[in-house]
């Protein structure tokens, strides 16, 4: 029941082979796990075409993971309306790493890069992904829209003044806006909470502050 995305190497009589290698009587076949940290930017015998960038596609069964990754500035696409076939096709087309707790989804042949998430708690899922793919600080915190995943753009305060509450107008000067949904972001109290979360993540990863 192991998805092929969890396989890091196959050896037949001590020789590295691919997924399509035919099995023959009397041969010894060893199947090895993907070693962590997994560098998806480098080719391997089972995955000769590396990814051009680290970018994820998050399944609905680990949906909160998308927002946590985006908060760190990591590209994480998420659409809870997609079925398994659409998720697999999107991961292949956009060359994204599919994150899911669904073994059957990750067994689809079109999925080349993926990870079966073991943890059930979102914060632990985040640590699991960061550790497995070797992602660490410094993180580009609040550079992506938490709702759309698009990179945020700087926006002049005067351009959005009519959308701001009185205290926000008074105490904040720097703002960013999502080019798709036009949500506006600034360094409010959520920034302090995010800073504390990043510090916790760094401690858990053993990276210091």
Protein backbone atom coordinates (compact mmCIF):
# COMPACT_ATOMS: atom_id res chain seq x y z
CA UNK A 1 0.00 0.00 0.00
CA UNK A 2 2.97 2.35 -0.30
CA UNK A 3 2.46 5.20 -2.83
CA UNK A 4 5.27 5.52 -5.36
CA UNK A 5 5.85 9.08 -4.13
CA UNK A 6 7.27 7.53 -0.93
CA UNK A 7 9.83 5.45 -2.83
CA UNK A 8 13.30 6.95 -3.08
CA UNK A 9 15.17 4.14 -4.74
CA UNK A 10 14.74 0.68 -6.25
CA UNK A 11 17.60 -1.79 -6.59
CA UNK A 12 17.54 -5.09 -8.45
CA UNK A 13 20.43 -7.33 -7.41
CA UNK A 14 22.23 -4.23 -6.13
CA UNK A 15 21.71 -2.21 -9.34
CA UNK A 16 19.58 0.94 -9.39
CA UNK A 17 16.52 0.56 -11.62
CA UNK A 18 13.39 2.55 -12.38
CA UNK A 19 9.71 2.00 -11.67
CA UNK A 20 9.25 0.22 -15.00
CA UNK A 21 11.91 -2.42 -14.44
CA UNK A 22 10.40 -5.90 -15.10
CA UNK A 23 10.44 -8.38 -12.23
CA UNK A 24 12.00 -11.78 -12.88
CA UNK A 25 12.11 -14.96 -10.76
CA UNK A 26 15.14 -15.25 -8.51
CA UNK A 27 15.97 -11.55 -8.50
CA UNK A 28 16.41 -9.60 -5.26
CA UNK A 29 14.57 -6.29 -5.25
CA UNK A 30 15.15 -3.68 -2.55
CA UNK A 31 12.83 -0.69 -2.22
CA UNK A 32 14.14 2.23 -0.22
CA UNK A 33 12.37 5.31 1.20
CA UNK A 34 12.93 8.85 0.02
CA UNK A 35 15.85 10.22 2.07
CA UNK A 36 15.28 13.45 3.94
CA UNK A 37 15.89 16.22 3.24
CA UNK A 38 14.51 15.58 -0.22
CA UNK A 39 15.94 17.99 -2.80
CA UNK A 40 13.33 18.18 -5.55
CA UNK A 41 15.57 20.52 -7.56
CA UNK A 42 18.07 17.73 -8.32
CA UNK A 43 17.45 14.76 -10.64
CA UNK A 44 17.40 11.22 -9.29
CA UNK A 45 17.16 7.79 -10.97
CA UNK A 46 13.42 7.54 -10.26
CA UNK A 47 12.73 11.21 -10.99
CA UNK A 48 15.14 12.30 -13.74
CA UNK A 49 13.26 15.57 -14.35
CA UNK A 50 13.67 17.77 -11.26
CA UNK A 51 11.21 20.49 -10.38
CA UNK A 52 12.06 24.08 -11.40
CA UNK A 53 11.12 25.39 -7.95
CA UNK A 54 9.70 24.30 -4.61
CA UNK A 55 5.94 24.72 -4.92
CA UNK A 56 3.18 22.72 -3.27
CA UNK A 57 -0.39 21.68 -4.00
CA UNK A 58 -2.36 20.98 -0.83
CA UNK A 59 -5.22 18.48 -0.65
CA UNK A 60 -8.38 19.39 1.30
CA UNK A 61 -7.65 16.74 3.94
CA UNK A 62 -4.67 18.85 5.07
CA UNK A 63 -6.19 22.19 4.06
CA UNK A 64 -4.95 24.29 6.99
CA UNK A 65 -1.42 23.43 5.96
CA UNK A 66 -1.82 25.69 2.91
CA UNK A 67 -2.33 28.81 5.00
CA UNK A 68 0.63 27.99 7.26
CA UNK A 69 2.93 27.51 4.29
CA UNK A 70 1.70 30.72 2.65
CA UNK A 71 2.28 32.66 5.88
CA UNK A 72 5.95 31.66 5.63
CA UNK A 73 6.09 32.87 2.03
CA UNK A 74 6.07 29.36 0.54
CA UNK A 75 4.11 28.74 -2.67
CA UNK A 76 1.14 26.53 -1.72
CA UNK A 77 -1.80 26.19 -4.10
CA UNK A 78 -5.11 25.06 -2.57
CA UNK A 79 -8.59 24.55 -3.95
CA UNK A 80 -10.91 22.43 -1.79
CA UNK A 81 -13.34 22.00 -4.68
CA UNK A 82 -10.95 19.83 -6.72
CA UNK A 83 -11.47 16.08 -6.87
CA UNK A 84 -8.62 13.58 -6.88
CA UNK A 85 -8.31 13.43 -10.67
CA UNK A 86 -8.14 17.22 -10.93
CA UNK A 87 -5.58 17.45 -8.12
CA UNK A 88 -3.33 14.90 -9.80
CA UNK A 89 -3.61 16.66 -13.17
CA UNK A 90 -2.88 20.07 -11.63
CA UNK A 91 0.15 18.76 -9.75
CA UNK A 92 1.53 17.28 -12.97
CA UNK A 93 0.73 20.30 -15.15
CA UNK A 94 2.08 22.95 -12.78
CA UNK A 95 4.89 20.69 -11.53
CA UNK A 96 3.96 20.97 -7.88
CA UNK A 97 4.55 18.69 -4.90
CA UNK A 98 1.23 17.17 -3.88
CA UNK A 99 0.66 17.05 -0.11
CA UNK A 100 -2.07 14.72 1.10
CA UNK A 101 -3.09 12.07 3.64
CA UNK A 102 -4.82 10.13 0.84
CA UNK A 103 -2.71 7.15 -0.24
CA UNK A 104 -4.90 6.41 -3.27
CA UNK A 105 -4.45 9.95 -4.58
CA UNK A 106 -0.67 9.71 -4.32
CA UNK A 107 -0.73 6.33 -6.10
CA UNK A 108 -1.98 7.95 -9.31
CA UNK A 109 0.73 7.47 -11.94
CA UNK A 110 0.58 11.07 -13.13
CA UNK A 111 1.76 12.30 -9.71
CA UNK A 112 5.58 12.45 -9.77
CA UNK A 113 6.35 14.48 -6.64
CA UNK A 114 4.25 14.14 -3.51
CA UNK A 115 4.33 13.47 0.20
CA UNK A 116 2.03 11.38 2.36
CA UNK A 117 1.47 13.55 5.44
CA UNK A 118 1.70 11.53 8.65
CA UNK A 119 0.80 14.13 11.28
CA UNK A 120 -2.80 15.10 12.03
CA UNK A 121 -2.21 18.46 13.74
CA UNK A 122 -1.57 21.36 11.29
CA UNK A 123 1.45 22.81 13.11
CA UNK A 124 3.08 19.38 13.17
CA UNK A 125 2.19 18.88 9.53
CA UNK A 126 4.01 22.11 8.75
CA UNK A 127 7.13 20.97 10.61
CA UNK A 128 6.93 17.62 8.84
CA UNK A 129 6.93 19.28 5.42
CA UNK A 130 9.69 21.76 6.30
CA UNK A 131 11.95 19.01 7.63
CA UNK A 132 11.30 16.56 4.83
CA UNK A 133 11.99 19.06 2.05
CA UNK A 134 14.83 20.82 3.85
CA UNK A 135 13.08 24.18 4.09
CA UNK A 136 14.32 26.50 6.83
CA UNK A 137 14.81 30.13 7.80
CA UNK A 138 14.98 32.85 6.82
CA UNK A 139 11.33 32.67 5.80
CA UNK A 140 9.69 35.32 3.62
CA UNK A 141 6.92 35.94 6.13
CA UNK A 142 3.77 37.68 4.83
CA UNK A 143 4.90 37.97 1.22
CA UNK A 144 1.97 35.89 -0.10
CA UNK A 145 -1.76 36.35 0.15
CA UNK A 146 -3.13 33.94 2.73
CA UNK A 147 -6.28 33.50 0.63
CA UNK A 148 -5.01 33.45 -2.97
CA UNK A 149 -1.34 32.42 -2.65
CA UNK A 150 -0.34 35.27 -5.00
CA UNK A 151 2.77 37.31 -4.11
CA UNK A 152 1.81 40.56 -2.41
CA UNK A 153 2.64 43.93 -3.93
CA UNK A 154 3.52 47.17 -2.16
CA UNK A 155 0.69 49.70 -2.34
CA UNK A 156 0.79 53.43 -1.44
CA UNK A 157 -1.19 54.27 1.67
CA UNK A 158 -2.99 57.08 -0.13
CA UNK A 159 -4.36 54.59 -2.66
CA UNK A 160 -6.16 52.53 -0.02
CA UNK A 161 -6.88 55.21 2.59
CA UNK A 162 -10.65 54.84 2.21
CA UNK A 163 -10.40 51.14 3.17
CA UNK A 164 -8.52 51.67 6.44
CA UNK A 165 -9.88 52.01 9.96
CA UNK A 166 -8.99 55.21 11.86
CA UNK A 167 -6.35 53.61 14.11
CA UNK A 168 -4.78 51.79 11.15
CA UNK A 169 -4.53 55.10 9.29
CA UNK A 170 -2.89 56.69 12.31
CA UNK A 171 -0.32 54.07 13.29
CA UNK A 172 0.70 52.26 10.08
CA UNK A 173 2.43 53.52 6.96
CA UNK A 174 3.49 50.43 4.98
CA UNK A 175 0.94 48.27 3.21
CA UNK A 176 0.80 45.41 0.76
CA UNK A 177 -2.05 44.25 -1.43
CA UNK A 178 -2.95 41.03 -3.20
CA UNK A 179 -3.18 41.67 -6.96
CA UNK A 180 -5.96 39.09 -7.30
CA UNK A 181 -8.39 39.54 -4.40
CA UNK A 182 -7.13 43.03 -3.40
CA UNK A 183 -6.94 42.17 0.30
CA UNK A 184 -4.69 44.63 2.13
CA UNK A 185 -2.01 43.56 4.63
CA UNK A 186 0.02 45.55 7.16
CA UNK A 187 2.21 44.87 10.21
CA UNK A 188 -0.57 44.74 12.79
CA UNK A 189 -0.97 42.45 15.80
CA UNK A 190 -1.01 39.42 13.49
CA UNK A 191 2.62 40.20 12.63
CA UNK A 192 3.65 39.78 16.26
CA UNK A 193 1.80 36.47 16.47
CA UNK A 194 3.47 35.32 13.28
CA UNK A 195 6.88 36.32 14.59
CA UNK A 196 6.28 34.21 17.68
CA UNK A 197 5.18 31.29 15.52
CA UNK A 198 8.30 31.57 13.33
CA UNK A 199 10.48 31.60 16.44
CA UNK A 200 8.75 28.41 17.61
CA UNK A 201 9.23 26.81 14.20
CA UNK A 202 12.92 27.71 14.21
CA UNK A 203 13.37 26.20 17.66
CA UNK A 204 11.61 23.01 16.59
CA UNK A 205 13.79 22.81 13.48
CA UNK A 206 16.89 23.39 15.61
CA UNK A 207 17.74 26.55 13.69
CA UNK A 208 17.80 29.02 16.60
CA UNK A 209 15.86 32.30 16.40
